[in-house]
């Protein structure tokens, strides 16, 4: 009888320990994104038909290599929507990350209307977590975004509209997307957005 009680007690202690380890996992190490030629990270643009967006990686004094996203044209689709995204993959596991930080600035020239706004999204299939609208100026500015305050949106399929389900940190891995198109900037927007020092932690 005593042996059975001891075994039961040990099993209960083990179960508690397993449960605690699952709910109290250590925070993941910070993931730093950069744009150097030796990086294995893959950055690319995704744009709607008719829109023209490119990216170059250049040296900025005192900052190293930064991404220069050049919006040459935003062309609305028949639905009125248009998108211009600058993307890469998230870490394999997103659980435990609390903040998304980066620096950005808008670079204008003699042509077009400068980029004034952007949003950051974490996307996985028909789920996405999206930041509020962020103002961008001609001066480098750091942004520290609490992932727990991202807007969680879902849709039935790729052709359906997004619907807001609440707020909270991303629960799945997929891609990081800097968004410059519809619902962010108007279609007359052109010119450059520079991005630097992206960290998930």
C-alpha atoms as a PDB file:
ATOM      1  CA  UNK A   1       0.000   0.000   0.000  1.00  0.00           C
ATOM      2  CA  UNK A   2       2.751   2.400   0.962  1.00  0.00           C
ATOM      3  CA  UNK A   3       4.572   1.585  -2.269  1.00  0.00           C
ATOM      4  CA  UNK A   4       1.457   2.402  -4.288  1.00  0.00           C
ATOM      5  CA  UNK A   5       1.093   5.749  -2.514  1.00  0.00           C
ATOM      6  CA  UNK A   6       4.755   6.524  -3.151  1.00  0.00           C
ATOM      7  CA  UNK A   7       4.447   5.659  -6.849  1.00  0.00           C
ATOM      8  CA  UNK A   8       1.299   7.764  -7.140  1.00  0.00           C
ATOM      9  CA  UNK A   9       2.959  10.692  -5.422  1.00  0.00           C
ATOM     10  CA  UNK A  10       6.007  10.491  -7.671  1.00  0.00           C
ATOM     11  CA  UNK A  11       3.775  10.337 -10.770  1.00  0.00           C
ATOM     12  CA  UNK A  12       1.877  13.411  -9.622  1.00  0.00           C
ATOM     13  CA  UNK A  13       5.123  15.298  -8.990  1.00  0.00           C
ATOM     14  CA  UNK A  14       6.395  14.291 -12.453  1.00  0.00           C
ATOM     15  CA  UNK A  15       3.166  15.471 -14.084  1.00  0.00           C
ATOM     16  CA  UNK A  16       3.400  18.816 -12.300  1.00  0.00           C
ATOM     17  CA  UNK A  17       6.992  19.170 -13.400  1.00  0.00           C
ATOM     18  CA  UNK A  18       6.140  18.428 -17.028  1.00  0.00           C
ATOM     19  CA  UNK A  19       3.241  20.880 -16.940  1.00  0.00           C
ATOM     20  CA  UNK A  20       5.439  23.600 -15.426  1.00  0.00           C
ATOM     21  CA  UNK A  21       8.158  23.076 -18.042  1.00  0.00           C
ATOM     22  CA  UNK A  22       5.597  23.417 -20.862  1.00  0.00           C
ATOM     23  CA  UNK A  23       4.037  26.596 -19.525  1.00  0.00           C
ATOM     24  CA  UNK A  24       7.318  28.141 -18.353  1.00  0.00           C
ATOM     25  CA  UNK A  25       9.616  27.588 -21.297  1.00  0.00           C
ATOM     26  CA  UNK A  26      12.600  29.935 -21.392  1.00  0.00           C
ATOM     27  CA  UNK A  27      12.285  32.871 -23.734  1.00  0.00           C
ATOM     28  CA  UNK A  28      13.837  32.160 -27.154  1.00  0.00           C
ATOM     29  CA  UNK A  29      17.095  33.823 -28.061  1.00  0.00           C
ATOM     30  CA  UNK A  30      16.683  37.092 -29.954  1.00  0.00           C
ATOM     31  CA  UNK A  31      16.494  36.704 -33.722  1.00  0.00           C
ATOM     32  CA  UNK A  32      18.295  39.467 -35.606  1.00  0.00           C
ATOM     33  CA  UNK A  33      17.526  40.139 -39.274  1.00  0.00           C
ATOM     34  CA  UNK A  34      20.097  41.812 -41.462  1.00  0.00           C
ATOM     35  CA  UNK A  35      20.717  42.492 -45.126  1.00  0.00           C
ATOM     36  CA  UNK A  36      24.367  41.544 -45.528  1.00  0.00           C
ATOM     37  CA  UNK A  37      25.516  39.558 -48.536  1.00  0.00           C
ATOM     38  CA  UNK A  38      26.583  36.670 -46.285  1.00  0.00           C
ATOM     39  CA  UNK A  39      23.205  36.349 -44.538  1.00  0.00           C
ATOM     40  CA  UNK A  40      21.144  33.211 -45.210  1.00  0.00           C
ATOM     41  CA  UNK A  41      17.930  35.198 -44.755  1.00  0.00           C
ATOM     42  CA  UNK A  42      15.856  35.631 -47.896  1.00  0.00           C
ATOM     43  CA  UNK A  43      14.057  38.934 -48.415  1.00  0.00           C
ATOM     44  CA  UNK A  44      11.732  39.555 -51.338  1.00  0.00           C
ATOM     45  CA  UNK A  45       8.938  41.814 -52.547  1.00  0.00           C
ATOM     46  CA  UNK A  46       5.351  40.707 -53.196  1.00  0.00           C
ATOM     47  CA  UNK A  47       3.242  43.150 -55.196  1.00  0.00           C
ATOM     48  CA  UNK A  48      -0.139  43.178 -56.918  1.00  0.00           C
ATOM     49  CA  UNK A  49      -0.461  43.177 -60.705  1.00  0.00           C
ATOM     50  CA  UNK A  50       0.536  46.473 -62.263  1.00  0.00           C
ATOM     51  CA  UNK A  51       2.395  47.737 -59.206  1.00  0.00           C
ATOM     52  CA  UNK A  52       6.164  48.217 -59.470  1.00  0.00           C
ATOM     53  CA  UNK A  53       8.318  47.780 -56.342  1.00  0.00           C
ATOM     54  CA  UNK A  54      12.000  46.860 -56.065  1.00  0.00           C
ATOM     55  CA  UNK A  55      14.553  46.553 -53.295  1.00  0.00           C
ATOM     56  CA  UNK A  56      18.276  47.181 -53.091  1.00  0.00           C
ATOM     57  CA  UNK A  57      20.647  46.711 -50.176  1.00  0.00           C
ATOM     58  CA  UNK A  58      22.991  49.627 -49.627  1.00  0.00           C
ATOM     59  CA  UNK A  59      25.430  50.993 -47.083  1.00  0.00           C
ATOM     60  CA  UNK A  60      24.087  53.760 -44.848  1.00  0.00           C
ATOM     61  CA  UNK A  61      26.675  55.770 -42.965  1.00  0.00           C
ATOM     62  CA  UNK A  62      26.962  54.573 -39.389  1.00  0.00           C
ATOM     63  CA  UNK A  63      24.374  51.799 -39.858  1.00  0.00           C
ATOM     64  CA  UNK A  64      25.931  49.221 -42.174  1.00  0.00           C
ATOM     65  CA  UNK A  65      23.742  47.590 -44.813  1.00  0.00           C
ATOM     66  CA  UNK A  66      20.070  48.632 -44.912  1.00  0.00           C
ATOM     67  CA  UNK A  67      17.162  47.678 -47.167  1.00  0.00           C
ATOM     68  CA  UNK A  68      15.967  50.373 -49.579  1.00  0.00           C
ATOM     69  CA  UNK A  69      12.450  49.533 -50.781  1.00  0.00           C
ATOM     70  CA  UNK A  70      11.619  51.602 -53.857  1.00  0.00           C
ATOM     71  CA  UNK A  71       7.927  52.042 -54.682  1.00  0.00           C
ATOM     72  CA  UNK A  72       7.780  53.226 -58.272  1.00  0.00           C
ATOM     73  CA  UNK A  73       4.054  52.626 -58.835  1.00  0.00           C
ATOM     74  CA  UNK A  74       0.982  51.407 -56.920  1.00  0.00           C
ATOM     75  CA  UNK A  75      -1.689  50.217 -59.324  1.00  0.00           C
ATOM     76  CA  UNK A  76      -5.179  49.555 -57.903  1.00  0.00           C
ATOM     77  CA  UNK A  77      -6.831  46.303 -59.009  1.00  0.00           C
ATOM     78  CA  UNK A  78     -10.462  46.241 -60.245  1.00  0.00           C
ATOM     79  CA  UNK A  79     -11.457  45.676 -56.593  1.00  0.00           C
ATOM     80  CA  UNK A  80      -9.707  48.923 -55.659  1.00  0.00           C
ATOM     81  CA  UNK A  81      -7.103  47.103 -53.586  1.00  0.00           C
ATOM     82  CA  UNK A  82      -3.349  46.903 -54.215  1.00  0.00           C
ATOM     83  CA  UNK A  83      -0.453  45.544 -52.209  1.00  0.00           C
ATOM     84  CA  UNK A  84       3.263  46.190 -51.912  1.00  0.00           C
ATOM     85  CA  UNK A  85       4.991  43.970 -49.351  1.00  0.00           C
ATOM     86  CA  UNK A  86       8.594  43.373 -48.304  1.00  0.00           C
ATOM     87  CA  UNK A  87       8.844  39.898 -46.747  1.00  0.00           C
ATOM     88  CA  UNK A  88      10.999  37.234 -45.159  1.00  0.00           C
ATOM     89  CA  UNK A  89      10.403  34.093 -43.078  1.00  0.00           C
ATOM     90  CA  UNK A  90       9.823  34.088 -39.323  1.00  0.00           C
ATOM     91  CA  UNK A  91      11.770  31.796 -36.985  1.00  0.00           C
ATOM     92  CA  UNK A  92      10.524  28.185 -36.921  1.00  0.00           C
ATOM     93  CA  UNK A  93       8.951  28.811 -33.522  1.00  0.00           C
ATOM     94  CA  UNK A  94       7.270  32.114 -32.648  1.00  0.00           C
ATOM     95  CA  UNK A  95       6.100  31.240 -29.141  1.00  0.00           C
ATOM     96  CA  UNK A  96       7.843  33.284 -26.458  1.00  0.00           C
ATOM     97  CA  UNK A  97       8.748  36.348 -28.509  1.00  0.00           C
ATOM     98  CA  UNK A  98       7.404  39.555 -26.973  1.00  0.00           C
ATOM     99  CA  UNK A  99       8.546  42.451 -29.183  1.00  0.00           C
ATOM    100  CA  UNK A 100       9.352  43.289 -32.792  1.00  0.00           C
ATOM    101  CA  UNK A 101      11.800  46.169 -33.178  1.00  0.00           C
ATOM    102  CA  UNK A 102      13.274  47.905 -36.206  1.00  0.00           C
ATOM    103  CA  UNK A 103      14.295  51.323 -37.520  1.00  0.00           C
ATOM    104  CA  UNK A 104      12.955  53.027 -40.648  1.00  0.00           C
ATOM    105  CA  UNK A 105      12.907  56.279 -42.558  1.00  0.00           C
ATOM    106  CA  UNK A 106      11.297  57.647 -45.716  1.00  0.00           C
ATOM    107  CA  UNK A 107      13.550  58.988 -48.451  1.00  0.00           C
ATOM    108  CA  UNK A 108      12.044  61.468 -50.894  1.00  0.00           C
ATOM    109  CA  UNK A 109      13.359  62.930 -54.128  1.00  0.00           C
ATOM    110  CA  UNK A 110      12.012  65.324 -56.751  1.00  0.00           C
ATOM    111  CA  UNK A 111       9.392  62.870 -57.994  1.00  0.00           C
ATOM    112  CA  UNK A 112       6.176  61.556 -56.494  1.00  0.00           C
ATOM    113  CA  UNK A 113       4.791  61.500 -52.989  1.00  0.00           C
ATOM    114  CA  UNK A 114       6.967  60.201 -50.135  1.00  0.00           C
ATOM    115  CA  UNK A 115       6.055  57.065 -48.200  1.00  0.00           C
ATOM    116  CA  UNK A 116       4.498  58.210 -44.922  1.00  0.00           C
ATOM    117  CA  UNK A 117       3.125  54.997 -43.420  1.00  0.00           C
ATOM    118  CA  UNK A 118       3.693  51.278 -43.001  1.00  0.00           C
ATOM    119  CA  UNK A 119       2.331  48.277 -41.115  1.00  0.00           C
ATOM    120  CA  UNK A 120       4.105  45.137 -39.926  1.00  0.00           C
ATOM    121  CA  UNK A 121       2.385  41.757 -40.115  1.00  0.00           C
ATOM    122  CA  UNK A 122       3.196  38.174 -39.143  1.00  0.00           C
ATOM    123  CA  UNK A 123       1.357  35.890 -41.574  1.00  0.00           C
ATOM    124  CA  UNK A 124       0.610  32.167 -41.596  1.00  0.00           C
ATOM    125  CA  UNK A 125      -1.813  30.954 -44.248  1.00  0.00           C
ATOM    126  CA  UNK A 126      -5.243  32.371 -43.460  1.00  0.00           C
ATOM    127  CA  UNK A 127      -4.120  33.871 -40.135  1.00  0.00           C
ATOM    128  CA  UNK A 128      -2.244  37.090 -39.686  1.00  0.00           C
ATOM    129  CA  UNK A 129      -1.243  39.363 -36.825  1.00  0.00           C
ATOM    130  CA  UNK A 130      -0.942  43.031 -37.797  1.00  0.00           C
ATOM    131  CA  UNK A 131       0.464  46.151 -36.152  1.00  0.00           C
ATOM    132  CA  UNK A 132      -1.257  49.506 -36.009  1.00  0.00           C
ATOM    133  CA  UNK A 133      -0.499  52.111 -38.682  1.00  0.00           C
ATOM    134  CA  UNK A 134       3.034  53.463 -38.162  1.00  0.00           C
ATOM    135  CA  UNK A 135       4.092  56.947 -39.219  1.00  0.00           C
ATOM    136  CA  UNK A 136       7.421  57.242 -41.051  1.00  0.00           C
ATOM    137  CA  UNK A 137       9.417  60.455 -41.476  1.00  0.00           C
ATOM    138  CA  UNK A 138      12.625  61.464 -43.233  1.00  0.00           C
ATOM    139  CA  UNK A 139      14.646  60.833 -40.053  1.00  0.00           C
ATOM    140  CA  UNK A 140      15.689  57.387 -38.830  1.00  0.00           C
ATOM    141  CA  UNK A 141      13.265  56.356 -36.108  1.00  0.00           C
ATOM    142  CA  UNK A 142      13.265  53.218 -33.922  1.00  0.00           C
ATOM    143  CA  UNK A 143      10.016  51.277 -33.443  1.00  0.00           C
ATOM    144  CA  UNK A 144       9.374  48.787 -30.633  1.00  0.00           C
ATOM    145  CA  UNK A 145       6.119  46.915 -31.205  1.00  0.00           C
ATOM    146  CA  UNK A 146       4.615  44.673 -28.474  1.00  0.00           C
ATOM    147  CA  UNK A 147       3.498  41.514 -30.260  1.00  0.00           C
ATOM    148  CA  UNK A 148       0.708  41.046 -27.716  1.00  0.00           C
ATOM    149  CA  UNK A 149      -0.969  44.166 -29.113  1.00  0.00           C
ATOM    150  CA  UNK A 150      -1.042  42.963 -32.728  1.00  0.00           C
ATOM    151  CA  UNK A 151      -4.476  42.652 -34.336  1.00  0.00           C
ATOM    152  CA  UNK A 152      -5.322  39.003 -35.086  1.00  0.00           C
ATOM    153  CA  UNK A 153      -7.187  38.523 -38.362  1.00  0.00           C
ATOM    154  CA  UNK A 154      -8.483  35.403 -40.123  1.00  0.00           C
ATOM    155  CA  UNK A 155     -10.116  34.601 -43.453  1.00  0.00           C
ATOM    156  CA  UNK A 156     -11.873  31.566 -44.916  1.00  0.00           C
ATOM    157  CA  UNK A 157      -9.532  31.290 -47.916  1.00  0.00           C
ATOM    158  CA  UNK A 158      -7.105  33.318 -50.033  1.00  0.00           C
ATOM    159  CA  UNK A 159      -9.955  35.029 -51.900  1.00  0.00           C
ATOM    160  CA  UNK A 160     -11.972  35.986 -48.818  1.00  0.00           C
ATOM    161  CA  UNK A 161     -11.910  39.189 -46.782  1.00  0.00           C
ATOM    162  CA  UNK A 162      -9.943  39.429 -43.554  1.00  0.00           C
ATOM    163  CA  UNK A 163     -11.892  39.612 -40.281  1.00  0.00           C
ATOM    164  CA  UNK A 164     -10.560  40.725 -36.897  1.00  0.00           C
ATOM    165  CA  UNK A 165     -10.797  38.074 -34.168  1.00  0.00           C
ATOM    166  CA  UNK A 166      -9.075  39.973 -31.371  1.00  0.00           C
ATOM    167  CA  UNK A 167      -5.557  40.883 -30.342  1.00  0.00           C
ATOM    168  CA  UNK A 168      -2.543  38.895 -29.238  1.00  0.00           C
ATOM    169  CA  UNK A 169       0.935  37.622 -30.094  1.00  0.00           C
ATOM    170  CA  UNK A 170       1.398  35.401 -33.170  1.00  0.00           C
ATOM    171  CA  UNK A 171       0.914  31.712 -32.441  1.00  0.00           C
ATOM    172  CA  UNK A 172       2.319  30.338 -35.661  1.00  0.00           C
ATOM    173  CA  UNK A 173       5.395  30.669 -37.835  1.00  0.00           C
ATOM    174  CA  UNK A 174       5.189  31.955 -41.380  1.00  0.00           C
ATOM    175  CA  UNK A 175       6.492  35.214 -42.758  1.00  0.00           C
ATOM    176  CA  UNK A 176       7.234  38.766 -41.679  1.00  0.00           C
ATOM    177  CA  UNK A 177       5.698  41.349 -43.986  1.00  0.00           C
ATOM    178  CA  UNK A 178       6.301  45.103 -44.146  1.00  0.00           C
ATOM    179  CA  UNK A 179       3.172  46.472 -45.821  1.00  0.00           C
ATOM    180  CA  UNK A 180       3.098  49.664 -47.888  1.00  0.00           C
ATOM    181  CA  UNK A 181       0.015  49.264 -50.096  1.00  0.00           C
ATOM    182  CA  UNK A 182      -3.766  49.377 -49.689  1.00  0.00           C
ATOM    183  CA  UNK A 183      -5.043  50.458 -46.258  1.00  0.00           C
ATOM    184  CA  UNK A 184      -1.582  51.936 -45.575  1.00  0.00           C
ATOM    185  CA  UNK A 185      -0.591  54.414 -48.333  1.00  0.00           C
ATOM    186  CA  UNK A 186      -2.710  55.925 -51.091  1.00  0.00           C
ATOM    187  CA  UNK A 187      -1.970  54.875 -54.708  1.00  0.00           C
ATOM    188  CA  UNK A 188      -0.162  58.129 -55.560  1.00  0.00           C
ATOM    189  CA  UNK A 189       2.629  57.181 -53.145  1.00  0.00           C
ATOM    190  CA  UNK A 190       6.067  56.501 -54.603  1.00  0.00           C
ATOM    191  CA  UNK A 191       9.739  56.787 -53.600  1.00  0.00           C
ATOM    192  CA  UNK A 192      11.824  54.973 -50.971  1.00  0.00           C
ATOM    193  CA  UNK A 193      11.462  53.363 -47.558  1.00  0.00           C
ATOM    194  CA  UNK A 194      14.662  52.309 -45.783  1.00  0.00           C
ATOM    195  CA  UNK A 195      14.603  49.626 -43.057  1.00  0.00           C
ATOM    196  CA  UNK A 196      17.306  48.588 -40.595  1.00  0.00           C
ATOM    197  CA  UNK A 197      18.006  46.690 -37.356  1.00  0.00           C
ATOM    198  CA  UNK A 198      15.119  44.222 -37.196  1.00  0.00           C
ATOM    199  CA  UNK A 199      14.998  42.137 -34.011  1.00  0.00           C
ATOM    200  CA  UNK A 200      12.472  39.649 -32.609  1.00  0.00           C
ATOM    201  CA  UNK A 201      12.950  39.085 -28.898  1.00  0.00           C
END
